[in-house]
C-alpha atoms as a PDB file:
ATOM      1  CA  VAL A   1      -4.071  -8.800   7.967  1.00  0.00           C
ATOM      2  CA  LEU A   2      -3.655  -7.003  11.249  1.00  0.00           C
ATOM      3  CA  ALA A   3      -2.737  -3.457  12.072  1.00  0.00           C
ATOM      4  CA  THR A   4      -2.294  -2.149  15.585  1.00  0.00           C
ATOM      5  CA  SER A   5      -3.408   1.231  16.782  1.00  0.00           C
ATOM      6  CA  TYR A   6      -4.226   2.692  20.142  1.00  0.00           C
ATOM      7  CA  GLY A   7      -7.381   4.123  21.607  1.00  0.00           C
ATOM      8  CA  PHE A   8      -7.621   6.079  24.833  1.00  0.00           C
ATOM      9  CA  SER A   9     -10.230   5.239  27.407  1.00  0.00           C
ATOM     10  CA  GLN A  10     -10.303   7.482  30.483  1.00  0.00           C
ATOM     11  CA  GLY A  11      -6.590   8.186  30.150  1.00  0.00           C
ATOM     12  CA  THR A  12      -5.637   4.532  29.730  1.00  0.00           C
ATOM     13  CA  LYS A  13      -3.911   3.429  26.571  1.00  0.00           C
ATOM     14  CA  VAL A  14      -5.766   0.426  25.094  1.00  0.00           C
ATOM     15  CA  ALA A  15      -4.349  -1.437  22.086  1.00  0.00           C
ATOM     16  CA  TYR A  16      -6.721  -2.721  19.437  1.00  0.00           C
ATOM     17  CA  THR A  17      -6.190  -4.155  15.999  1.00  0.00           C
ATOM     18  CA  GLN A  18      -7.816  -3.269  12.746  1.00  0.00           C
ATOM     19  CA  ASP A  19      -7.989  -5.759   9.914  1.00  0.00           C
ATOM     20  CA  VAL A  20      -8.479  -4.897   6.314  1.00  0.00           C
ATOM     21  CA  LYS A  21     -11.882  -6.395   5.539  1.00  0.00           C
ATOM     22  CA  TRP A  22     -11.136  -8.150   2.238  1.00  0.00           C
ATOM     23  CA  TYR A  23     -14.073  -9.061   0.013  1.00  0.00           C
ATOM     24  CA  THR A  24     -14.421 -11.385  -2.929  1.00  0.00           C
ATOM     25  CA  ILE A  25     -14.879  -9.550  -6.227  1.00  0.00           C
ATOM     26  CA  GLU A  26     -18.542 -10.654  -6.314  1.00  0.00           C
ATOM     27  CA  GLU A  27     -19.206  -9.416  -2.761  1.00  0.00           C
ATOM     28  CA  ALA A  28     -17.576  -6.076  -3.573  1.00  0.00           C
ATOM     29  CA  GLU A  29     -19.640  -5.654  -6.742  1.00  0.00           C
ATOM     30  CA  LYS A  30     -22.842  -6.283  -4.784  1.00  0.00           C
ATOM     31  CA  LEU A  31     -21.832  -3.788  -2.060  1.00  0.00           C
ATOM     32  CA  MET A  32     -20.803  -1.221  -4.665  1.00  0.00           C
ATOM     33  CA  LYS A  33     -24.286  -1.349  -6.196  1.00  0.00           C
ATOM     34  CA  GLN A  34     -25.921  -0.845  -2.783  1.00  0.00           C
ATOM     35  CA  SER A  35     -23.592   1.913  -1.607  1.00  0.00           C
ATOM     36  CA  PRO A  36     -21.176   3.211  -4.273  1.00  0.00           C
ATOM     37  CA  ARG A  37     -17.466   3.307  -3.458  1.00  0.00           C
ATOM     38  CA  PRO A  38     -14.452   2.539  -5.599  1.00  0.00           C
ATOM     39  CA  LEU A  39     -13.025  -0.966  -5.615  1.00  0.00           C
ATOM     40  CA  PHE A  40      -9.429  -1.533  -4.610  1.00  0.00           C
ATOM     41  CA  ILE A  41      -8.196  -4.843  -5.993  1.00  0.00           C
ATOM     42  CA  ASP A  42      -4.926  -6.329  -4.784  1.00  0.00           C
ATOM     43  CA  THR A  43      -3.922  -8.653  -7.621  1.00  0.00           C
ATOM     44  CA  TYR A  44      -1.386 -11.181  -6.385  1.00  0.00           C
ATOM     45  CA  THR A  45      -0.041 -14.703  -6.832  1.00  0.00           C
ATOM     46  CA  ASP A  46       0.945 -17.270  -4.207  1.00  0.00           C
ATOM     47  CA  TRP A  47       4.562 -17.349  -5.429  1.00  0.00           C
ATOM     48  CA  CYS A  48       5.074 -13.560  -5.433  1.00  0.00           C
ATOM     49  CA  GLY A  49       7.512 -12.473  -2.710  1.00  0.00           C
ATOM     50  CA  TRP A  50       6.724  -8.770  -3.145  1.00  0.00           C
ATOM     51  CA  CYS A  51       3.005  -9.564  -2.741  1.00  0.00           C
ATOM     52  CA  LYS A  52       3.720 -11.200   0.624  1.00  0.00           C
ATOM     53  CA  LYS A  53       5.934  -8.269   1.621  1.00  0.00           C
ATOM     54  CA  MET A  54       3.080  -5.849   0.811  1.00  0.00           C
ATOM     55  CA  ASP A  55       0.654  -8.017   2.856  1.00  0.00           C
ATOM     56  CA  ASN A  56       3.047  -7.965   5.827  1.00  0.00           C
ATOM     57  CA  GLU A  57       4.280  -4.372   5.675  1.00  0.00           C
ATOM     58  CA  THR A  58       1.706  -2.238   3.887  1.00  0.00           C
ATOM     59  CA  PHE A  59      -1.710  -3.762   4.512  1.00  0.00           C
ATOM     60  CA  THR A  60      -0.893  -4.171   8.217  1.00  0.00           C
ATOM     61  CA  ASN A  61      -0.482  -0.411   8.619  1.00  0.00           C
ATOM     62  CA  ASN A  62      -3.403   1.013  10.590  1.00  0.00           C
ATOM     63  CA  VAL A  63      -3.726   4.130   8.393  1.00  0.00           C
ATOM     64  CA  ILE A  64      -3.850   1.982   5.250  1.00  0.00           C
ATOM     65  CA  ALA A  65      -6.355  -0.462   6.783  1.00  0.00           C
ATOM     66  CA  ASN A  66      -8.559   2.436   7.880  1.00  0.00           C
ATOM     67  CA  ILE A  67      -8.586   4.089   4.432  1.00  0.00           C
ATOM     68  CA  LEU A  68      -9.278   0.778   2.672  1.00  0.00           C
ATOM     69  CA  ASN A  69     -12.132  -0.113   5.036  1.00  0.00           C
ATOM     70  CA  SER A  70     -13.773   3.309   5.018  1.00  0.00           C
ATOM     71  CA  LYS A  71     -13.294   4.568   1.444  1.00  0.00           C
ATOM     72  CA  TYR A  72     -13.119   1.393  -0.687  1.00  0.00           C
ATOM     73  CA  TYR A  73     -14.355  -2.128  -1.055  1.00  0.00           C
ATOM     74  CA  PRO A  74     -10.985  -3.895  -0.842  1.00  0.00           C
ATOM     75  CA  VAL A  75     -10.609  -7.137  -2.795  1.00  0.00           C
ATOM     76  CA  LYS A  76      -7.777  -9.660  -2.870  1.00  0.00           C
ATOM     77  CA  PHE A  77      -7.692 -11.475  -6.188  1.00  0.00           C
ATOM     78  CA  ASP A  78      -5.392 -14.404  -6.898  1.00  0.00           C
ATOM     79  CA  ALA A  79      -4.318 -13.858 -10.508  1.00  0.00           C
ATOM     80  CA  GLU A  80      -3.900 -17.625 -10.916  1.00  0.00           C
ATOM     81  CA  SER A  81      -7.229 -18.610  -9.358  1.00  0.00           C
ATOM     82  CA  LYS A  82      -9.059 -21.515 -10.960  1.00  0.00           C
ATOM     83  CA  ALA A  83     -12.490 -20.253  -9.865  1.00  0.00           C
ATOM     84  CA  LYS A  84     -15.104 -19.007 -12.316  1.00  0.00           C
ATOM     85  CA  VAL A  85     -15.910 -15.374 -11.543  1.00  0.00           C
ATOM     86  CA  ASN A  86     -18.940 -13.371 -12.636  1.00  0.00           C
ATOM     87  CA  PHE A  87     -18.129  -9.682 -12.532  1.00  0.00           C
ATOM     88  CA  LEU A  88     -19.968  -6.730 -14.077  1.00  0.00           C
ATOM     89  CA  GLY A  89     -22.192  -9.107 -16.028  1.00  0.00           C
ATOM     90  CA  SER A  90     -19.383 -11.176 -17.580  1.00  0.00           C
ATOM     91  CA  ASP A  91     -18.009 -14.588 -16.744  1.00  0.00           C
ATOM     92  CA  PHE A  92     -14.250 -14.927 -16.357  1.00  0.00           C
ATOM     93  CA  ILE A  93     -12.409 -18.234 -16.135  1.00  0.00           C
ATOM     94  CA  ASN A  94      -8.884 -19.544 -16.062  1.00  0.00           C
ATOM     95  CA  ASP A  95      -8.843 -21.525 -19.309  1.00  0.00           C
ATOM     96  CA  GLY A  96      -5.079 -21.725 -19.786  1.00  0.00           C
ATOM     97  CA  LYS A  97      -5.157 -19.258 -22.688  1.00  0.00           C
ATOM     98  CA  TYR A  98      -2.906 -16.900 -20.699  1.00  0.00           C
ATOM     99  CA  GLY A  99      -0.734 -19.576 -19.108  1.00  0.00           C
ATOM    100  CA  LYS A 100      -1.630 -19.789 -15.427  1.00  0.00           C
ATOM    101  CA  THR A 101      -3.301 -16.378 -15.418  1.00  0.00           C
ATOM    102  CA  HIS A 102      -7.049 -15.899 -14.878  1.00  0.00           C
ATOM    103  CA  GLN A 103      -8.985 -13.967 -17.546  1.00  0.00           C
ATOM    104  CA  LEU A 104     -10.128 -11.411 -14.952  1.00  0.00           C
ATOM    105  CA  ALA A 105      -6.524 -10.670 -13.964  1.00  0.00           C
ATOM    106  CA  VAL A 106      -5.629 -10.140 -17.632  1.00  0.00           C
ATOM    107  CA  ALA A 107      -8.585  -7.737 -17.991  1.00  0.00           C
ATOM    108  CA  LEU A 108      -7.891  -5.816 -14.756  1.00  0.00           C
ATOM    109  CA  LEU A 109      -4.167  -5.515 -15.460  1.00  0.00           C
ATOM    110  CA  GLN A 110      -4.862  -4.595 -19.088  1.00  0.00           C
ATOM    111  CA  GLY A 111      -2.535  -7.372 -20.230  1.00  0.00           C
ATOM    112  CA  GLN A 112       0.440  -6.054 -18.227  1.00  0.00           C
ATOM    113  CA  LEU A 113       0.940  -9.054 -15.957  1.00  0.00           C
ATOM    114  CA  SER A 114       3.077  -7.929 -13.039  1.00  0.00           C
ATOM    115  CA  TYR A 115       2.657  -8.726  -9.349  1.00  0.00           C
ATOM    116  CA  PRO A 116       1.726  -7.180  -7.100  1.00  0.00           C
ATOM    117  CA  THR A 117      -0.497  -4.792  -9.012  1.00  0.00           C
ATOM    118  CA  VAL A 118      -3.203  -2.831  -7.251  1.00  0.00           C
ATOM    119  CA  VAL A 119      -6.184  -1.866  -9.362  1.00  0.00           C
ATOM    120  CA  PHE A 120      -8.501   1.038  -8.686  1.00  0.00           C
ATOM    121  CA  LEU A 121     -11.920   0.494 -10.258  1.00  0.00           C
ATOM    122  CA  LEU A 122     -13.759   3.812 -10.352  1.00  0.00           C
ATOM    123  CA  ALA A 123     -17.269   4.517 -11.585  1.00  0.00           C
ATOM    124  CA  ASN A 124     -17.498   7.515 -13.897  1.00  0.00           C
ATOM    125  CA  ALA A 125     -20.469   9.839 -14.472  1.00  0.00           C
ATOM    126  CA  GLU A 126     -21.894   7.593 -17.211  1.00  0.00           C
ATOM    127  CA  GLY A 127     -21.901   4.575 -14.893  1.00  0.00           C
ATOM    128  CA  LYS A 128     -19.003   2.963 -16.733  1.00  0.00           C
ATOM    129  CA  PHE A 129     -15.827   1.954 -14.956  1.00  0.00           C
ATOM    130  CA  GLU A 130     -12.369   3.392 -15.237  1.00  0.00           C
ATOM    131  CA  VAL A 131      -9.603   0.918 -14.467  1.00  0.00           C
ATOM    132  CA  ALA A 132      -6.323   2.204 -13.045  1.00  0.00           C
ATOM    133  CA  PRO A 133      -3.784  -0.615 -12.521  1.00  0.00           C
ATOM    134  CA  ILE A 134      -0.656   0.401 -10.612  1.00  0.00           C
ATOM    135  CA  PRO A 135       2.100  -2.224 -10.558  1.00  0.00           C
ATOM    136  CA  GLY A 136       4.766  -2.835  -7.968  1.00  0.00           C
ATOM    137  CA  PHE A 137       5.341  -3.039  -4.244  1.00  0.00           C
ATOM    138  CA  LYS A 138       4.172   0.052  -2.367  1.00  0.00           C
ATOM    139  CA  GLN A 139       5.335   1.014   1.107  1.00  0.00           C
ATOM    140  CA  PRO A 140       2.660   2.392   3.464  1.00  0.00           C
ATOM    141  CA  LYS A 141       3.554   6.059   2.716  1.00  0.00           C
ATOM    142  CA  GLU A 142       3.299   5.467  -1.052  1.00  0.00           C
ATOM    143  CA  MET A 143       0.066   3.499  -0.665  1.00  0.00           C
ATOM    144  CA  GLU A 144      -1.514   6.236   1.469  1.00  0.00           C
ATOM    145  CA  ILE A 145      -0.902   8.795  -1.277  1.00  0.00           C
ATOM    146  CA  LEU A 146      -2.380   6.498  -3.943  1.00  0.00           C
ATOM    147  CA  LEU A 147      -5.416   5.585  -1.842  1.00  0.00           C
ATOM    148  CA  SER A 148      -6.101   9.245  -1.062  1.00  0.00           C
ATOM    149  CA  PHE A 149      -5.647  10.371  -4.677  1.00  0.00           C
ATOM    150  CA  PHE A 150      -8.448   8.085  -5.857  1.00  0.00           C
ATOM    151  CA  ALA A 151     -10.708   7.953  -2.760  1.00  0.00           C
ATOM    152  CA  ASP A 152     -11.043  11.719  -2.551  1.00  0.00           C
ATOM    153  CA  ASN A 153     -11.587  12.050  -6.335  1.00  0.00           C
ATOM    154  CA  SER A 154      -8.502  14.234  -6.576  1.00  0.00           C
ATOM    155  CA  TYR A 155      -7.587  12.399  -9.780  1.00  0.00           C
ATOM    156  CA  LYS A 156     -10.478  14.254 -11.448  1.00  0.00           C
ATOM    157  CA  THR A 157      -9.097  17.720 -10.718  1.00  0.00           C
ATOM    158  CA  LYS A 158      -5.343  17.397 -10.154  1.00  0.00           C
ATOM    159  CA  ASN A 159      -2.506  15.661 -11.902  1.00  0.00           C
ATOM    160  CA  TRP A 160      -0.495  13.108  -9.958  1.00  0.00           C
ATOM    161  CA  GLU A 161       2.626  15.272  -9.540  1.00  0.00           C
ATOM    162  CA  GLU A 162       0.607  18.234  -8.261  1.00  0.00           C
ATOM    163  CA  PHE A 163      -1.292  16.009  -5.811  1.00  0.00           C
ATOM    164  CA  GLN A 164       1.896  14.418  -4.426  1.00  0.00           C
ATOM    165  CA  LYS A 165       3.476  17.810  -3.742  1.00  0.00           C
ATOM    166  CA  SER A 166       0.531  19.047  -1.692  1.00  0.00           C
ATOM    167  CA  PHE A 167      -0.341  15.751   0.051  1.00  0.00           C
ATOM    168  CA  VAL A 168       0.084  15.573   3.813  1.00  0.00           C
ATOM    169  CA  GLY A 169      -0.195  12.013   5.026  1.00  0.00           C
ATOM    170  CA  ARG A 170      -0.678  10.316   8.375  1.00  0.00           C
ATOM    171  CA  VAL A 171       1.704   7.377   7.860  1.00  0.00           C
ATOM    172  CA  LYS A 172       4.879   7.929   9.858  1.00  0.00           C
END
């Protein structure tokens, strides 16, 4: 996923691109243990048109890519993957029990299977994880607010409505 932004070098405008650095869920878990950050999990399917639209319009935004790369460990997870996944000490498989849906997707989405759904996985004070699945396509402006709400721990001190009213974003 590419996003274009511009840097200035001695008065000259130089274009450069910034990709979202997507990790596997296992890579993100390992990184999270080394240097704690929340996980951002984009749960998608290959057939989901809104998922593709979010890939092309939201995750290509430079502000979004920057927040994801600097404040989260971003993960793309195919909800219909056939791969066995070990995450947080448990094995998850796609055994057909939930149709085409992988057990990890069912767990992350808390049984509410809708795509795309982004999931914020946040460590609490006791070392346990809070899961916040948020379904539906999000435009860059909406995604920036969500990313900021969780990355800056505002969700611990403000309610969502209050945060939205006071939020000043960088997405145009």
